[in-house]
Amino acid sequence: MDRITAMRVYVETAERGSLSAAALQEGMSRAMASRYLASMEQWAGARLMHRSTRRLSLTAAGQQMLGLCREMLAVSTQVDQLAAESEDAPQGQLRITSSSIFSQTQLAPAVMDFLARYPKAFVDLQALDRTVNLIEERIDLAIRITAELDPNLIARRIGTCRSAICAAPAYLRGREVPKQARDLASHICLRYAYYGQSVWQFMHQGESVVVPVQGNFSTNDSATLRRAALAGGGIAMLPTFAIDEDLREGRLLPLLSDHEVADMGIHAVYTSRQHQSVLMRTMIDFLAQRFDDGVKPKLL
């Protein structure tokens, strides 16, 4: 874990006598602040605080550690100020994670443009199709696409992801093309494990339509779902950024174009609202501009 952040959490907790107050000050959840505090005690090799239901108090080792942390944080601030004065351009390393398909089709090109603009920056992009614990895996920034973001996360919405219903010509050959959402109930539907596993939701002529779907295949990876659709396995709901070229070239055919699939948000998720590096702030602003509805071209 980041020891500078851990020291800030520790000092705030000691000065305020409350872990919740420290977490609020640092812009993070109480659980995350508790993990930082535990890492401080592990680092010190001693118990630093007495915990009660009402208030936290310092042990003798905790009092000594408090003074040391204040001195180290003061030095850290001076170093940051010196770096800012000597170089305004973003620099340093940033570890980012996102799903494989979004990383491949959208995030990697965006990062290349960012690095061309800021050549002193270094980005380590982790394409992972699972939820990542940012602290444990030392991730600075996660890009997550979801309709329902965990309210406990610290995040900024940076764009909108739209989806489409589609199928390969091979699947539709010899079958009746669905004209209404309810027609999907009689088709094989390829399902995404994290969304719409048993029901798909639409808006049609101002009304909400919920349709139960069934099929013999599901996956937790949008890229795999796309491949299954291209193979003629059934009808799929896929993000438009992943299938734009397939639709243009006729490998996949759009279905139910007059039915609107619920949008999902593209979110930048990070560990703290405060004490962000120049590199982090610049990257988030850059991605927000790139994926904003009014700026991003046709795909999102």
C-alpha atoms as a PDB file:
ATOM      1  CA  MET A   1       0.000   0.000   0.000  1.00  0.00           C
ATOM      2  CA  ASP A   2       1.039   3.620  -0.528  1.00  0.00           C
ATOM      3  CA  ARG A   3       2.848   4.550   2.696  1.00  0.00           C
ATOM      4  CA  ILE A   4       2.485   8.296   2.160  1.00  0.00           C
ATOM      5  CA  THR A   5      -1.301   7.894   1.977  1.00  0.00           C
ATOM      6  CA  ALA A   6      -1.195   5.536   4.972  1.00  0.00           C
ATOM      7  CA  MET A   7       0.701   8.157   6.982  1.00  0.00           C
ATOM      8  CA  ARG A   8      -1.826  10.843   6.042  1.00  0.00           C
ATOM      9  CA  VAL A   9      -4.692   8.615   7.165  1.00  0.00           C
ATOM     10  CA  TYR A  10      -2.865   7.851  10.406  1.00  0.00           C
ATOM     11  CA  VAL A  11      -2.146  11.508  11.190  1.00  0.00           C
ATOM     12  CA  GLU A  12      -5.723  12.553  10.382  1.00  0.00           C
ATOM     13  CA  THR A  13      -7.102   9.742  12.552  1.00  0.00           C
ATOM     14  CA  ALA A  14      -4.813  10.649  15.450  1.00  0.00           C
ATOM     15  CA  GLU A  15      -5.609  14.362  15.252  1.00  0.00           C
ATOM     16  CA  ARG A  16      -9.366  13.909  14.839  1.00  0.00           C
ATOM     17  CA  GLY A  17      -9.747  10.910  17.122  1.00  0.00           C
ATOM     18  CA  SER A  18     -12.027   9.296  14.573  1.00  0.00           C
ATOM     19  CA  LEU A  19     -11.356   6.946  11.687  1.00  0.00           C
ATOM     20  CA  SER A  20     -14.591   8.000   9.976  1.00  0.00           C
ATOM     21  CA  ALA A  21     -13.609  11.668  10.137  1.00  0.00           C
ATOM     22  CA  ALA A  22     -10.179  10.851   8.726  1.00  0.00           C
ATOM     23  CA  ALA A  23     -11.729   8.846   5.893  1.00  0.00           C
ATOM     24  CA  LEU A  24     -14.044  11.768   5.057  1.00  0.00           C
ATOM     25  CA  GLN A  25     -11.129  14.206   5.074  1.00  0.00           C
ATOM     26  CA  GLU A  26      -9.092  11.957   2.758  1.00  0.00           C
ATOM     27  CA  GLY A  27     -12.049  11.311   0.428  1.00  0.00           C
ATOM     28  CA  MET A  28     -12.144   7.543   0.882  1.00  0.00           C
ATOM     29  CA  SER A  29     -14.387   4.916   2.464  1.00  0.00           C
ATOM     30  CA  ARG A  30     -14.046   4.021   6.156  1.00  0.00           C
ATOM     31  CA  ALA A  31     -13.099   0.452   5.201  1.00  0.00           C
ATOM     32  CA  MET A  32     -10.288   1.715   3.007  1.00  0.00           C
ATOM     33  CA  ALA A  33      -9.034   4.032   5.745  1.00  0.00           C
ATOM     34  CA  SER A  34      -9.076   1.094   8.165  1.00  0.00           C
ATOM     35  CA  ARG A  35      -6.880  -0.915   5.785  1.00  0.00           C
ATOM     36  CA  TYR A  36      -4.401   1.962   5.585  1.00  0.00           C
ATOM     37  CA  LEU A  37      -4.323   2.160   9.380  1.00  0.00           C
ATOM     38  CA  ALA A  38      -3.716  -1.598   9.620  1.00  0.00           C
ATOM     39  CA  SER A  39      -0.851  -1.281   7.146  1.00  0.00           C
ATOM     40  CA  MET A  40       0.724   1.418   9.333  1.00  0.00           C
ATOM     41  CA  GLU A  41       0.663  -0.886  12.349  1.00  0.00           C
ATOM     42  CA  GLN A  42       2.106  -3.700  10.281  1.00  0.00           C
ATOM     43  CA  TRP A  43       4.854  -1.379   9.042  1.00  0.00           C
ATOM     44  CA  ALA A  44       5.606  -0.158  12.583  1.00  0.00           C
ATOM     45  CA  GLY A  45       5.462  -3.679  14.014  1.00  0.00           C
ATOM     46  CA  ALA A  46       3.449  -2.402  16.968  1.00  0.00           C
ATOM     47  CA  ARG A  47      -0.071  -1.435  17.962  1.00  0.00           C
ATOM     48  CA  LEU A  48      -0.436   2.303  17.410  1.00  0.00           C
ATOM     49  CA  MET A  49      -3.962   2.950  18.666  1.00  0.00           C
ATOM     50  CA  HIS A  50      -6.354   1.840  21.384  1.00  0.00           C
ATOM     51  CA  ARG A  51      -9.773   1.359  19.800  1.00  0.00           C
ATOM     52  CA  SER A  52     -13.073   1.829  21.619  1.00  0.00           C
ATOM     53  CA  THR A  53     -16.635   2.304  20.462  1.00  0.00           C
ATOM     54  CA  ARG A  54     -16.408   6.047  21.129  1.00  0.00           C
ATOM     55  CA  ARG A  55     -12.887   7.211  20.372  1.00  0.00           C
ATOM     56  CA  LEU A  56      -9.407   6.201  19.300  1.00  0.00           C
ATOM     57  CA  SER A  57      -6.373   6.997  21.441  1.00  0.00           C
ATOM     58  CA  LEU A  58      -2.656   6.573  20.775  1.00  0.00           C
ATOM     59  CA  THR A  59      -0.350   4.039  22.390  1.00  0.00           C
ATOM     60  CA  ALA A  60       3.174   5.044  23.405  1.00  0.00           C
ATOM     61  CA  ALA A  61       4.443   3.689  20.075  1.00  0.00           C
ATOM     62  CA  GLY A  62       1.640   5.570  18.361  1.00  0.00           C
ATOM     63  CA  GLN A  63       2.733   8.891  19.896  1.00  0.00           C
ATOM     64  CA  GLN A  64       6.271   8.356  18.643  1.00  0.00           C
ATOM     65  CA  MET A  65       5.037   7.342  15.190  1.00  0.00           C
ATOM     66  CA  LEU A  66       2.808  10.423  14.973  1.00  0.00           C
ATOM     67  CA  GLY A  67       5.767  12.769  15.242  1.00  0.00           C
ATOM     68  CA  LEU A  68       7.751  10.822  12.672  1.00  0.00           C
ATOM     69  CA  CYS A  69       4.817  10.760  10.233  1.00  0.00           C
ATOM     70  CA  ARG A  70       4.341  14.510  10.505  1.00  0.00           C
ATOM     71  CA  GLU A  71       8.003  15.066   9.674  1.00  0.00           C
ATOM     72  CA  MET A  72       7.916  12.643   6.738  1.00  0.00           C
ATOM     73  CA  LEU A  73       4.733  14.188   5.323  1.00  0.00           C
ATOM     74  CA  ALA A  74       6.302  17.639   5.543  1.00  0.00           C
ATOM     75  CA  VAL A  75       9.299  16.400   3.562  1.00  0.00           C
ATOM     76  CA  SER A  76       6.984  14.719   1.044  1.00  0.00           C
ATOM     77  CA  THR A  77       5.101  17.979   0.525  1.00  0.00           C
ATOM     78  CA  GLN A  78       8.346  19.861  -0.061  1.00  0.00           C
ATOM     79  CA  VAL A  79       9.448  17.271  -2.627  1.00  0.00           C
ATOM     80  CA  ASP A  80       6.106  17.518  -4.438  1.00  0.00           C
ATOM     81  CA  GLN A  81       6.306  21.302  -4.516  1.00  0.00           C
ATOM     82  CA  LEU A  82       9.861  21.145  -5.849  1.00  0.00           C
ATOM     83  CA  ALA A  83       8.791  18.729  -8.571  1.00  0.00           C
ATOM     84  CA  ALA A  84       5.859  20.936  -9.514  1.00  0.00           C
ATOM     85  CA  GLU A  85       8.077  23.982  -9.746  1.00  0.00           C
ATOM     86  CA  SER A  86      10.689  22.186 -11.857  1.00  0.00           C
ATOM     87  CA  GLU A  87       8.293  20.457 -14.243  1.00  0.00           C
ATOM     88  CA  ASP A  88       4.676  21.330 -14.974  1.00  0.00           C
ATOM     89  CA  ALA A  89       4.089  18.556 -17.527  1.00  0.00           C
ATOM     90  CA  PRO A  90       2.633  15.264 -16.219  1.00  0.00           C
ATOM     91  CA  GLN A  91       5.296  12.654 -15.570  1.00  0.00           C
ATOM     92  CA  GLY A  92       5.759   9.431 -13.645  1.00  0.00           C
ATOM     93  CA  GLN A  93       3.972   6.075 -13.789  1.00  0.00           C
ATOM     94  CA  LEU A  94       0.244   5.392 -13.795  1.00  0.00           C
ATOM     95  CA  ARG A  95      -1.236   1.897 -13.460  1.00  0.00           C
ATOM     96  CA  ILE A  96      -4.635   1.635 -15.160  1.00  0.00           C
ATOM     97  CA  THR A  97      -7.031  -1.281 -15.511  1.00  0.00           C
ATOM     98  CA  SER A  98     -10.131  -1.910 -17.609  1.00  0.00           C
ATOM     99  CA  SER A  99     -11.900  -4.782 -19.351  1.00  0.00           C
ATOM    100  CA  SER A 100     -10.063  -6.517 -22.181  1.00  0.00           C
ATOM    101  CA  ILE A 101     -12.401  -5.363 -24.946  1.00  0.00           C
ATOM    102  CA  PHE A 102     -12.497  -1.721 -23.799  1.00  0.00           C
ATOM    103  CA  SER A 103      -8.724  -1.710 -23.333  1.00  0.00           C
ATOM    104  CA  GLN A 104      -8.155  -3.098 -26.819  1.00  0.00           C
ATOM    105  CA  THR A 105     -10.657  -1.013 -28.757  1.00  0.00           C
ATOM    106  CA  GLN A 106     -10.791   2.307 -26.895  1.00  0.00           C
ATOM    107  CA  LEU A 107      -8.381   2.721 -24.005  1.00  0.00           C
ATOM    108  CA  ALA A 108      -5.127   1.651 -25.695  1.00  0.00           C
ATOM    109  CA  PRO A 109      -5.549   4.166 -28.578  1.00  0.00           C
ATOM    110  CA  ALA A 110      -6.481   6.868 -26.065  1.00  0.00           C
ATOM    111  CA  VAL A 111      -3.406   6.128 -23.952  1.00  0.00           C
ATOM    112  CA  MET A 112      -1.170   6.270 -27.044  1.00  0.00           C
ATOM    113  CA  ASP A 113      -2.508   9.745 -27.842  1.00  0.00           C
ATOM    114  CA  PHE A 114      -1.974  10.772 -24.211  1.00  0.00           C
ATOM    115  CA  LEU A 115       1.644   9.562 -24.211  1.00  0.00           C
ATOM    116  CA  ALA A 116       2.332  11.331 -27.497  1.00  0.00           C
ATOM    117  CA  ARG A 117       1.219  14.538 -25.803  1.00  0.00           C
ATOM    118  CA  TYR A 118       3.006  13.827 -22.493  1.00  0.00           C
ATOM    119  CA  PRO A 119       6.124  11.741 -23.334  1.00  0.00           C
ATOM    120  CA  LYS A 120       7.500  11.835 -19.767  1.00  0.00           C
ATOM    121  CA  ALA A 121       4.540   9.808 -18.528  1.00  0.00           C
ATOM    122  CA  PHE A 122       4.518   5.993 -18.353  1.00  0.00           C
ATOM    123  CA  VAL A 123       1.297   3.960 -18.367  1.00  0.00           C
ATOM    124  CA  ASP A 124       0.997   0.325 -17.285  1.00  0.00           C
ATOM    125  CA  LEU A 125      -2.354  -0.850 -18.702  1.00  0.00           C
ATOM    126  CA  GLN A 126      -3.799  -4.014 -17.151  1.00  0.00           C
ATOM    127  CA  ALA A 127      -6.589  -5.559 -19.269  1.00  0.00           C
ATOM    128  CA  LEU A 128      -8.579  -7.564 -16.717  1.00  0.00           C
ATOM    129  CA  ASP A 129     -12.117  -8.929 -16.962  1.00  0.00           C
ATOM    130  CA  ARG A 130     -12.730  -8.908 -13.226  1.00  0.00           C
ATOM    131  CA  THR A 131     -13.277  -6.412 -10.449  1.00  0.00           C
ATOM    132  CA  VAL A 132      -9.919  -5.249  -9.100  1.00  0.00           C
ATOM    133  CA  ASN A 133      -9.043  -4.176  -5.564  1.00  0.00           C
ATOM    134  CA  LEU A 134      -7.166  -0.991  -6.371  1.00  0.00           C
ATOM    135  CA  ILE A 135      -5.164  -0.860  -3.155  1.00  0.00           C
ATOM    136  CA  GLU A 136      -4.145  -4.511  -2.986  1.00  0.00           C
ATOM    137  CA  GLU A 137      -3.113  -4.622  -6.658  1.00  0.00           C
ATOM    138  CA  ARG A 138      -1.515  -1.153  -6.647  1.00  0.00           C
ATOM    139  CA  ILE A 139      -3.839   0.195  -9.343  1.00  0.00           C
ATOM    140  CA  ASP A 140      -4.085   3.967  -9.620  1.00  0.00           C
ATOM    141  CA  LEU A 141      -7.092   4.166 -11.923  1.00  0.00           C
ATOM    142  CA  ALA A 142      -9.798   1.721 -13.016  1.00  0.00           C
ATOM    143  CA  ILE A 143     -12.117   2.367 -15.953  1.00  0.00           C
ATOM    144  CA  ARG A 144     -15.394   0.564 -15.319  1.00  0.00           C
ATOM    145  CA  ILE A 145     -18.475   0.340 -17.515  1.00  0.00           C
ATOM    146  CA  THR A 146     -21.642  -0.352 -15.578  1.00  0.00           C
ATOM    147  CA  ALA A 147     -25.272   0.665 -15.218  1.00  0.00           C
ATOM    148  CA  GLU A 148     -25.075   0.565 -11.413  1.00  0.00           C
ATOM    149  CA  LEU A 149     -21.796   1.719  -9.902  1.00  0.00           C
ATOM    150  CA  ASP A 150     -21.168   0.826  -6.259  1.00  0.00           C
ATOM    151  CA  PRO A 151     -22.006   4.041  -4.360  1.00  0.00           C
ATOM    152  CA  ASN A 152     -19.131   3.378  -1.948  1.00  0.00           C
ATOM    153  CA  LEU A 153     -16.577   3.820  -4.726  1.00  0.00           C
ATOM    154  CA  ILE A 154     -14.846   7.122  -5.424  1.00  0.00           C
ATOM    155  CA  ALA A 155     -15.442   7.749  -9.108  1.00  0.00           C
ATOM    156  CA  ARG A 156     -16.058  10.271 -11.857  1.00  0.00           C
ATOM    157  CA  ARG A 157     -18.328   9.556 -14.801  1.00  0.00           C
ATOM    158  CA  ILE A 158     -16.340  10.256 -17.962  1.00  0.00           C
ATOM    159  CA  GLY A 159     -18.652   9.014 -20.711  1.00  0.00           C
ATOM    160  CA  THR A 160     -21.588   6.900 -21.850  1.00  0.00           C
ATOM    161  CA  CYS A 161     -21.522   3.408 -23.317  1.00  0.00           C
ATOM    162  CA  ARG A 162     -24.356   2.430 -25.646  1.00  0.00           C
ATOM    163  CA  SER A 163     -25.328  -1.096 -26.639  1.00  0.00           C
ATOM    164  CA  ALA A 164     -27.091  -2.715 -29.583  1.00  0.00           C
ATOM    165  CA  ILE A 165     -28.923  -5.953 -30.264  1.00  0.00           C
ATOM    166  CA  CYS A 166     -27.339  -7.889 -33.113  1.00  0.00           C
ATOM    167  CA  ALA A 167     -26.830 -11.298 -34.717  1.00  0.00           C
ATOM    168  CA  ALA A 168     -24.790 -12.841 -37.515  1.00  0.00           C
ATOM    169  CA  PRO A 169     -26.467 -13.536 -40.884  1.00  0.00           C
ATOM    170  CA  ALA A 170     -25.728 -17.239 -40.325  1.00  0.00           C
ATOM    171  CA  TYR A 171     -27.929 -17.289 -37.229  1.00  0.00           C
ATOM    172  CA  LEU A 172     -30.796 -15.369 -38.826  1.00  0.00           C
ATOM    173  CA  ARG A 173     -30.820 -17.505 -41.975  1.00  0.00           C
ATOM    174  CA  GLY A 174     -34.014 -19.566 -41.942  1.00  0.00           C
ATOM    175  CA  ARG A 175     -35.335 -17.830 -38.796  1.00  0.00           C
ATOM    176  CA  GLU A 176     -37.901 -15.100 -38.418  1.00  0.00           C
ATOM    177  CA  VAL A 177     -36.169 -11.799 -37.667  1.00  0.00           C
ATOM    178  CA  PRO A 178     -37.478 -10.323 -34.376  1.00  0.00           C
ATOM    179  CA  LYS A 179     -39.617  -7.241 -34.924  1.00  0.00           C
ATOM    180  CA  GLN A 180     -40.618  -6.641 -31.311  1.00  0.00           C
ATOM    181  CA  ALA A 181     -38.646  -7.112 -28.110  1.00  0.00           C
ATOM    182  CA  ARG A 182     -41.001  -9.885 -27.011  1.00  0.00           C
ATOM    183  CA  ASP A 183     -39.960 -11.895 -30.088  1.00  0.00           C
ATOM    184  CA  LEU A 184     -36.575 -12.458 -28.397  1.00  0.00           C
ATOM    185  CA  ALA A 185     -38.213 -14.983 -26.075  1.00  0.00           C
ATOM    186  CA  SER A 186     -38.339 -17.487 -28.955  1.00  0.00           C
ATOM    187  CA  HIS A 187     -34.678 -16.988 -29.957  1.00  0.00           C
ATOM    188  CA  ILE A 188     -31.326 -18.189 -28.642  1.00  0.00           C
ATOM    189  CA  CYS A 189     -29.827 -15.245 -26.773  1.00  0.00           C
ATOM    190  CA  LEU A 190     -26.137 -15.091 -25.931  1.00  0.00           C
ATOM    191  CA  ARG A 191     -25.865 -13.553 -22.508  1.00  0.00           C
ATOM    192  CA  TYR A 192     -23.318 -11.491 -20.613  1.00  0.00           C
ATOM    193  CA  ALA A 193     -22.813 -12.888 -17.119  1.00  0.00           C
ATOM    194  CA  TYR A 194     -22.633  -9.473 -15.410  1.00  0.00           C
ATOM    195  CA  TYR A 195     -25.655  -7.901 -17.107  1.00  0.00           C
ATOM    196  CA  GLY A 196     -28.972  -9.106 -18.490  1.00  0.00           C
ATOM    197  CA  GLN A 197     -28.429 -12.755 -17.596  1.00  0.00           C
ATOM    198  CA  SER A 198     -32.151 -13.619 -17.674  1.00  0.00           C
ATOM    199  CA  VAL A 199     -33.963 -10.419 -18.714  1.00  0.00           C
ATOM    200  CA  TRP A 200     -33.183  -7.641 -21.172  1.00  0.00           C
ATOM    201  CA  GLN A 201     -34.661  -4.174 -20.714  1.00  0.00           C
ATOM    202  CA  PHE A 202     -35.630  -1.690 -23.425  1.00  0.00           C
ATOM    203  CA  MET A 203     -37.437   1.597 -23.943  1.00  0.00           C
ATOM    204  CA  HIS A 204     -39.896   1.524 -26.835  1.00  0.00           C
ATOM    205  CA  GLN A 205     -42.147   4.449 -27.734  1.00  0.00           C
ATOM    206  CA  GLY A 206     -41.665   5.905 -24.277  1.00  0.00           C
ATOM    207  CA  GLU A 207     -42.496   2.711 -22.406  1.00  0.00           C
ATOM    208  CA  SER A 208     -40.241   0.336 -20.510  1.00  0.00           C
ATOM    209  CA  VAL A 209     -40.174  -3.205 -21.909  1.00  0.00           C
ATOM    210  CA  VAL A 210     -38.704  -6.133 -19.962  1.00  0.00           C
ATOM    211  CA  VAL A 211     -38.177  -9.373 -21.884  1.00  0.00           C
ATOM    212  CA  PRO A 212     -37.127 -12.742 -20.449  1.00  0.00           C
ATOM    213  CA  VAL A 213     -34.404 -14.287 -22.617  1.00  0.00           C
ATOM    214  CA  GLN A 214     -32.900 -17.734 -22.728  1.00  0.00           C
ATOM    215  CA  GLY A 215     -29.988 -19.484 -24.354  1.00  0.00           C
ATOM    216  CA  ASN A 216     -27.320 -22.088 -23.821  1.00  0.00           C
ATOM    217  CA  PHE A 217     -24.290 -19.788 -23.574  1.00  0.00           C
ATOM    218  CA  SER A 218     -23.113 -16.999 -21.263  1.00  0.00           C
ATOM    219  CA  THR A 219     -19.721 -15.402 -20.595  1.00  0.00           C
ATOM    220  CA  ASN A 220     -18.137 -12.717 -18.428  1.00  0.00           C
ATOM    221  CA  ASP A 221     -16.150 -11.277 -21.353  1.00  0.00           C
ATOM    222  CA  SER A 222     -17.622  -9.005 -24.028  1.00  0.00           C
ATOM    223  CA  ALA A 223     -14.924  -9.993 -26.542  1.00  0.00           C
ATOM    224  CA  THR A 224     -15.902 -13.655 -26.157  1.00  0.00           C
ATOM    225  CA  LEU A 225     -19.574 -12.734 -26.465  1.00  0.00           C
ATOM    226  CA  ARG A 226     -18.802 -10.938 -29.738  1.00  0.00           C
ATOM    227  CA  ARG A 227     -16.964 -13.990 -31.079  1.00  0.00           C
ATOM    228  CA  ALA A 228     -19.913 -16.215 -30.180  1.00  0.00           C
ATOM    229  CA  ALA A 229     -22.274 -13.871 -32.021  1.00  0.00           C
ATOM    230  CA  LEU A 230     -19.998 -13.786 -35.085  1.00  0.00           C
ATOM    231  CA  ALA A 231     -19.979 -17.604 -35.070  1.00  0.00           C
ATOM    232  CA  GLY A 232     -23.763 -17.575 -35.468  1.00  0.00           C
ATOM    233  CA  GLY A 233     -24.522 -18.802 -31.976  1.00  0.00           C
ATOM    234  CA  GLY A 234     -27.454 -16.486 -31.343  1.00  0.00           C
ATOM    235  CA  ILE A 235     -28.601 -12.933 -30.671  1.00  0.00           C
ATOM    236  CA  ALA A 236     -26.397 -10.770 -28.449  1.00  0.00           C
ATOM    237  CA  MET A 237     -26.506  -7.424 -26.687  1.00  0.00           C
ATOM    238  CA  LEU A 238     -23.088  -5.817 -27.227  1.00  0.00           C
ATOM    239  CA  PRO A 239     -21.496  -2.386 -26.706  1.00  0.00           C
ATOM    240  CA  THR A 240     -21.479  -0.443 -29.944  1.00  0.00           C
ATOM    241  CA  PHE A 241     -17.788   0.452 -29.580  1.00  0.00           C
ATOM    242  CA  ALA A 242     -16.980  -3.269 -29.886  1.00  0.00           C
ATOM    243  CA  ILE A 243     -19.090  -4.042 -32.971  1.00  0.00           C
ATOM    244  CA  ASP A 244     -19.118  -0.851 -35.032  1.00  0.00           C
ATOM    245  CA  GLU A 245     -16.879  -2.321 -37.735  1.00  0.00           C
ATOM    246  CA  ASP A 246     -18.795  -5.636 -37.707  1.00  0.00           C
ATOM    247  CA  LEU A 247     -22.039  -3.750 -38.340  1.00  0.00           C
ATOM    248  CA  ARG A 248     -20.542  -1.633 -41.131  1.00  0.00           C
ATOM    249  CA  GLU A 249     -19.152  -4.680 -42.921  1.00  0.00           C
ATOM    250  CA  GLY A 250     -22.234  -6.838 -42.414  1.00  0.00           C
ATOM    251  CA  ARG A 251     -20.653  -9.493 -40.217  1.00  0.00           C
ATOM    252  CA  LEU A 252     -23.330  -8.628 -37.659  1.00  0.00           C
ATOM    253  CA  LEU A 253     -26.789  -7.247 -38.403  1.00  0.00           C
ATOM    254  CA  PRO A 254     -28.548  -4.737 -36.123  1.00  0.00           C
ATOM    255  CA  LEU A 255     -31.888  -5.841 -34.686  1.00  0.00           C
ATOM    256  CA  LEU A 256     -34.716  -3.945 -32.980  1.00  0.00           C
ATOM    257  CA  SER A 257     -33.231  -0.595 -33.974  1.00  0.00           C
ATOM    258  CA  ASP A 258     -36.378   1.194 -32.798  1.00  0.00           C
ATOM    259  CA  HIS A 259     -35.889  -0.218 -29.282  1.00  0.00           C
ATOM    260  CA  GLU A 260     -33.525   1.715 -27.031  1.00  0.00           C
ATOM    261  CA  VAL A 261     -31.195  -0.316 -24.832  1.00  0.00           C
ATOM    262  CA  ALA A 262     -30.368   1.274 -21.474  1.00  0.00           C
ATOM    263  CA  ASP A 263     -27.074   3.169 -21.513  1.00  0.00           C
ATOM    264  CA  MET A 264     -24.230   2.367 -19.134  1.00  0.00           C
ATOM    265  CA  GLY A 265     -21.808   4.830 -17.620  1.00  0.00           C
ATOM    266  CA  ILE A 266     -18.057   4.857 -18.217  1.00  0.00           C
ATOM    267  CA  HIS A 267     -16.482   5.614 -14.841  1.00  0.00           C
ATOM    268  CA  ALA A 268     -12.976   6.490 -13.720  1.00  0.00           C
ATOM    269  CA  VAL A 269     -12.545   4.849 -10.299  1.00  0.00           C
ATOM    270  CA  TYR A 270      -9.706   5.775  -7.921  1.00  0.00           C
ATOM    271  CA  THR A 271      -8.812   5.562  -4.243  1.00  0.00           C
ATOM    272  CA  SER A 272      -8.916   9.194  -3.100  1.00  0.00           C
ATOM    273  CA  ARG A 273     -10.337  12.527  -4.237  1.00  0.00           C
ATOM    274  CA  GLN A 274      -7.491  14.408  -2.600  1.00  0.00           C
ATOM    275  CA  HIS A 275      -3.731  14.368  -3.099  1.00  0.00           C
ATOM    276  CA  GLN A 276      -3.997  13.195  -6.708  1.00  0.00           C
ATOM    277  CA  SER A 277      -0.873  13.531  -8.790  1.00  0.00           C
ATOM    278  CA  VAL A 278      -0.771  15.887 -11.748  1.00  0.00           C
ATOM    279  CA  LEU A 279      -0.507  12.815 -13.958  1.00  0.00           C
ATOM    280  CA  MET A 280      -3.665  11.257 -12.529  1.00  0.00           C
ATOM    281  CA  ARG A 281      -5.722  14.448 -12.811  1.00  0.00           C
ATOM    282  CA  THR A 282      -4.516  15.081 -16.343  1.00  0.00           C
ATOM    283  CA  MET A 283      -5.291  11.523 -17.449  1.00  0.00           C
ATOM    284  CA  ILE A 284      -8.835  11.606 -16.031  1.00  0.00           C
ATOM    285  CA  ASP A 285      -9.523  14.977 -17.680  1.00  0.00           C
ATOM    286  CA  PHE A 286      -8.078  13.684 -20.960  1.00  0.00           C
ATOM    287  CA  LEU A 287     -10.281  10.561 -20.946  1.00  0.00           C
ATOM    288  CA  ALA A 288     -13.357  12.563 -19.945  1.00  0.00           C
ATOM    289  CA  GLN A 289     -12.842  14.867 -22.921  1.00  0.00           C
ATOM    290  CA  ARG A 290     -12.236  11.935 -25.266  1.00  0.00           C
ATOM    291  CA  PHE A 291     -15.277   9.905 -24.193  1.00  0.00           C
ATOM    292  CA  ASP A 292     -17.660  12.794 -23.546  1.00  0.00           C
ATOM    293  CA  ASP A 293     -20.906  12.518 -25.543  1.00  0.00           C
ATOM    294  CA  GLY A 294     -20.300  15.837 -27.255  1.00  0.00           C
ATOM    295  CA  VAL A 295     -16.714  15.069 -28.201  1.00  0.00           C
ATOM    296  CA  LYS A 296     -16.427  11.327 -28.737  1.00  0.00           C
ATOM    297  CA  PRO A 297     -17.205  10.248 -32.336  1.00  0.00           C
ATOM    298  CA  LYS A 298     -19.874   7.755 -33.295  1.00  0.00           C
ATOM    299  CA  LEU A 299     -18.950   4.753 -31.112  1.00  0.00           C
ATOM    300  CA  LEU A 300     -19.919   5.708 -27.548  1.00  0.00           C
END
